[in-house]
C-alpha atoms as a PDB file:
ATOM      1  CA  MET A   1     -19.086   8.542  -6.320  1.00  0.00           C
ATOM      2  CA  VAL A   2     -16.089   7.453  -8.399  1.00  0.00           C
ATOM      3  CA  LEU A   3     -15.151   3.925  -9.402  1.00  0.00           C
ATOM      4  CA  VAL A   4     -11.563   3.260 -10.474  1.00  0.00           C
ATOM      5  CA  GLY A   5      -9.731   0.098 -11.394  1.00  0.00           C
ATOM      6  CA  GLU A   6      -6.451  -0.961  -9.866  1.00  0.00           C
ATOM      7  CA  ASP A   7      -4.375   0.959 -12.433  1.00  0.00           C
ATOM      8  CA  GLY A   8      -6.509   4.062 -11.974  1.00  0.00           C
ATOM      9  CA  TRP A   9      -6.095   3.809  -8.204  1.00  0.00           C
ATOM     10  CA  GLU A  10      -2.307   3.628  -8.568  1.00  0.00           C
ATOM     11  CA  LYS A  11      -2.344   6.741 -10.788  1.00  0.00           C
ATOM     12  CA  LEU A  12      -4.552   8.571  -8.310  1.00  0.00           C
ATOM     13  CA  MET A  13      -2.263   7.634  -5.438  1.00  0.00           C
ATOM     14  CA  GLY A  14       0.692   8.901  -7.459  1.00  0.00           C
ATOM     15  CA  ARG A  15      -1.008  12.263  -8.009  1.00  0.00           C
ATOM     16  CA  LEU A  16      -1.989  12.536  -4.353  1.00  0.00           C
ATOM     17  CA  THR A  17       1.495  11.790  -3.062  1.00  0.00           C
ATOM     18  CA  ALA A  18       3.566  13.473  -5.815  1.00  0.00           C
ATOM     19  CA  ASN A  19       4.183  16.770  -4.027  1.00  0.00           C
ATOM     20  CA  MET A  20       4.290  15.736  -0.404  1.00  0.00           C
ATOM     21  CA  GLY A  21       6.909  18.420   0.291  1.00  0.00           C
ATOM     22  CA  HIS A  22       4.361  21.162  -0.466  1.00  0.00           C
ATOM     23  CA  VAL A  23       1.334  19.886   1.384  1.00  0.00           C
ATOM     24  CA  THR A  24      -1.232  22.476   2.377  1.00  0.00           C
ATOM     25  CA  GLN A  25      -4.193  22.037   4.683  1.00  0.00           C
ATOM     26  CA  THR A  26      -6.461  21.830   1.636  1.00  0.00           C
ATOM     27  CA  VAL A  27      -4.360  19.021   0.135  1.00  0.00           C
ATOM     28  CA  ARG A  28      -4.327  17.114   3.432  1.00  0.00           C
ATOM     29  CA  ASP A  29      -8.103  17.483   3.779  1.00  0.00           C
ATOM     30  CA  THR A  30      -8.612  16.268   0.213  1.00  0.00           C
ATOM     31  CA  ASP A  31      -6.328  13.290   0.848  1.00  0.00           C
ATOM     32  CA  ARG A  32      -8.270  12.429   3.995  1.00  0.00           C
ATOM     33  CA  PHE A  33     -11.557  12.669   2.160  1.00  0.00           C
ATOM     34  CA  ILE A  34     -10.483  10.510  -0.798  1.00  0.00           C
ATOM     35  CA  LEU A  35      -8.456   7.935   1.086  1.00  0.00           C
ATOM     36  CA  GLY A  36     -10.753   7.829   4.112  1.00  0.00           C
ATOM     37  CA  SER A  37     -13.827   7.112   2.001  1.00  0.00           C
ATOM     38  CA  ALA A  38     -12.226   4.597  -0.388  1.00  0.00           C
ATOM     39  CA  PHE A  39     -13.378   0.988  -0.417  1.00  0.00           C
ATOM     40  CA  GLU A  40     -11.988  -1.986  -2.263  1.00  0.00           C
ATOM     41  CA  VAL A  41     -14.747  -4.096  -3.784  1.00  0.00           C
ATOM     42  CA  THR A  42     -14.471  -7.492  -5.423  1.00  0.00           C
ATOM     43  CA  PRO A  43     -16.843  -8.390  -8.248  1.00  0.00           C
ATOM     44  CA  ASP A  44     -18.843 -11.592  -7.949  1.00  0.00           C
ATOM     45  CA  PRO A  45     -18.621 -14.218 -10.744  1.00  0.00           C
ATOM     46  CA  GLN A  46     -21.128 -12.198 -12.792  1.00  0.00           C
ATOM     47  CA  GLY A  47     -19.116  -8.966 -12.437  1.00  0.00           C
ATOM     48  CA  ARG A  48     -21.453  -7.308  -9.925  1.00  0.00           C
ATOM     49  CA  VAL A  49     -20.320  -5.373  -6.882  1.00  0.00           C
ATOM     50  CA  VAL A  50     -22.157  -4.174  -3.809  1.00  0.00           C
ATOM     51  CA  ILE A  51     -21.803  -0.466  -3.144  1.00  0.00           C
ATOM     52  CA  PRO A  52     -21.008   0.030   0.552  1.00  0.00           C
ATOM     53  CA  GLU A  53     -23.963   1.570   2.379  1.00  0.00           C
ATOM     54  CA  ILE A  54     -21.988   4.599   3.543  1.00  0.00           C
ATOM     55  CA  LEU A  55     -21.113   5.442  -0.089  1.00  0.00           C
ATOM     56  CA  SER A  56     -24.647   4.930  -1.386  1.00  0.00           C
ATOM     57  CA  LYS A  57     -25.889   7.275   1.358  1.00  0.00           C
ATOM     58  CA  TYR A  58     -23.192   9.833   0.483  1.00  0.00           C
ATOM     59  CA  ALA A  59     -24.198   9.688  -3.191  1.00  0.00           C
ATOM     60  CA  HIS A  60     -27.926   9.792  -2.293  1.00  0.00           C
ATOM     61  CA  ILE A  61     -28.537   6.636  -4.308  1.00  0.00           C
ATOM     62  CA  LYS A  62     -32.147   5.573  -3.997  1.00  0.00           C
ATOM     63  CA  ASN A  63     -32.971   3.039  -6.728  1.00  0.00           C
ATOM     64  CA  ASP A  64     -31.611   3.334 -10.239  1.00  0.00           C
ATOM     65  CA  VAL A  65     -28.046   4.375 -10.988  1.00  0.00           C
ATOM     66  CA  ILE A  66     -26.221   5.808 -13.968  1.00  0.00           C
ATOM     67  CA  PHE A  67     -22.598   4.889 -14.730  1.00  0.00           C
ATOM     68  CA  LEU A  68     -20.678   7.613 -16.558  1.00  0.00           C
ATOM     69  CA  GLY A  69     -17.492   6.421 -18.248  1.00  0.00           C
ATOM     70  CA  LEU A  70     -14.857   9.147 -17.879  1.00  0.00           C
ATOM     71  CA  GLY A  71     -11.619   7.775 -19.283  1.00  0.00           C
ATOM     72  CA  ASP A  72      -9.779   5.990 -16.478  1.00  0.00           C
ATOM     73  CA  ARG A  73     -12.704   6.137 -14.078  1.00  0.00           C
ATOM     74  CA  ALA A  74     -16.474   5.905 -13.894  1.00  0.00           C
ATOM     75  CA  GLU A  75     -18.833   8.018 -11.854  1.00  0.00           C
ATOM     76  CA  ILE A  76     -21.853   6.410 -10.245  1.00  0.00           C
ATOM     77  CA  TRP A  77     -24.869   8.686  -9.867  1.00  0.00           C
ATOM     78  CA  ASP A  78     -28.393   8.293  -8.587  1.00  0.00           C
ATOM     79  CA  LYS A  79     -30.402   8.438 -11.812  1.00  0.00           C
ATOM     80  CA  THR A  80     -32.673  11.279 -10.668  1.00  0.00           C
ATOM     81  CA  LEU A  81     -29.761  13.372  -9.401  1.00  0.00           C
ATOM     82  CA  TRP A  82     -27.822  12.788 -12.622  1.00  0.00           C
ATOM     83  CA  ARG A  83     -30.771  13.913 -14.769  1.00  0.00           C
ATOM     84  CA  LYS A  84     -30.923  17.176 -12.773  1.00  0.00           C
ATOM     85  CA  ARG A  85     -27.160  17.671 -13.100  1.00  0.00           C
ATOM     86  CA  GLU A  86     -27.319  16.875 -16.817  1.00  0.00           C
ATOM     87  CA  GLU A  87     -29.998  19.539 -17.280  1.00  0.00           C
ATOM     88  CA  HIS A  88     -27.795  22.074 -15.465  1.00  0.00           C
ATOM     89  CA  VAL A  89     -24.721  21.201 -17.548  1.00  0.00           C
ATOM     90  CA  THR A  90     -26.729  21.336 -20.771  1.00  0.00           C
ATOM     91  CA  ALA A  91     -28.265  24.702 -19.899  1.00  0.00           C
ATOM     92  CA  ASN A  92     -24.845  26.135 -18.996  1.00  0.00           C
ATOM     93  CA  SER A  93     -22.673  24.349 -21.566  1.00  0.00           C
ATOM     94  CA  VAL A  94     -21.463  27.481 -23.367  1.00  0.00           C
ATOM     95  CA  LYS A  95     -20.435  29.172 -20.108  1.00  0.00           C
ATOM     96  CA  LEU A  96     -18.747  25.985 -18.852  1.00  0.00           C
ATOM     97  CA  MET A  97     -16.742  25.570 -22.069  1.00  0.00           C
ATOM     98  CA  GLU A  98     -15.646  29.204 -21.917  1.00  0.00           C
ATOM     99  CA  GLU A  99     -14.425  28.705 -18.344  1.00  0.00           C
ATOM    100  CA  MET A 100     -12.495  25.592 -19.383  1.00  0.00           C
ATOM    101  CA  ALA A 101     -10.930  27.487 -22.282  1.00  0.00           C
ATOM    102  CA  LYS A 102      -9.787  30.227 -19.886  1.00  0.00           C
ATOM    103  CA  GLU A 103      -8.092  27.639 -17.682  1.00  0.00           C
ATOM    104  CA  ASP A 104      -6.248  26.131 -20.672  1.00  0.00           C
ATOM    105  CA  ARG A 105      -4.870  29.444 -21.971  1.00  0.00           C
ATOM    106  CA  PRO A 106      -1.151  29.971 -21.478  1.00  0.00           C
ATOM    107  CA  ARG A 107      -0.407  32.745 -19.041  1.00  0.00           C
ATOM    108  CA  GLY A 108       2.215  35.155 -20.194  1.00  0.00           C
END
């Protein structure tokens, strides 16, 4: 689950709608998924928000959560699921970095 502020939402909307002339089925499905599952939440006076039940079910949140700050957004994970994912990423970090490096190489 991803949490974005108002500015982050505007940037995301800009990216989603930037190339509307070249919209494929995959892009439309992604738009539907992101926009159809988005909720606006308002913090209470102490800065807390309630995660809508449908999103907590989607993210398999049981009890404790982990917030991962990722630049202009934060991901919200069930703590147990994040620990498993973290183990996977740690165990495969070299392979993952190599894949990222391949994607960043200029193609000639």
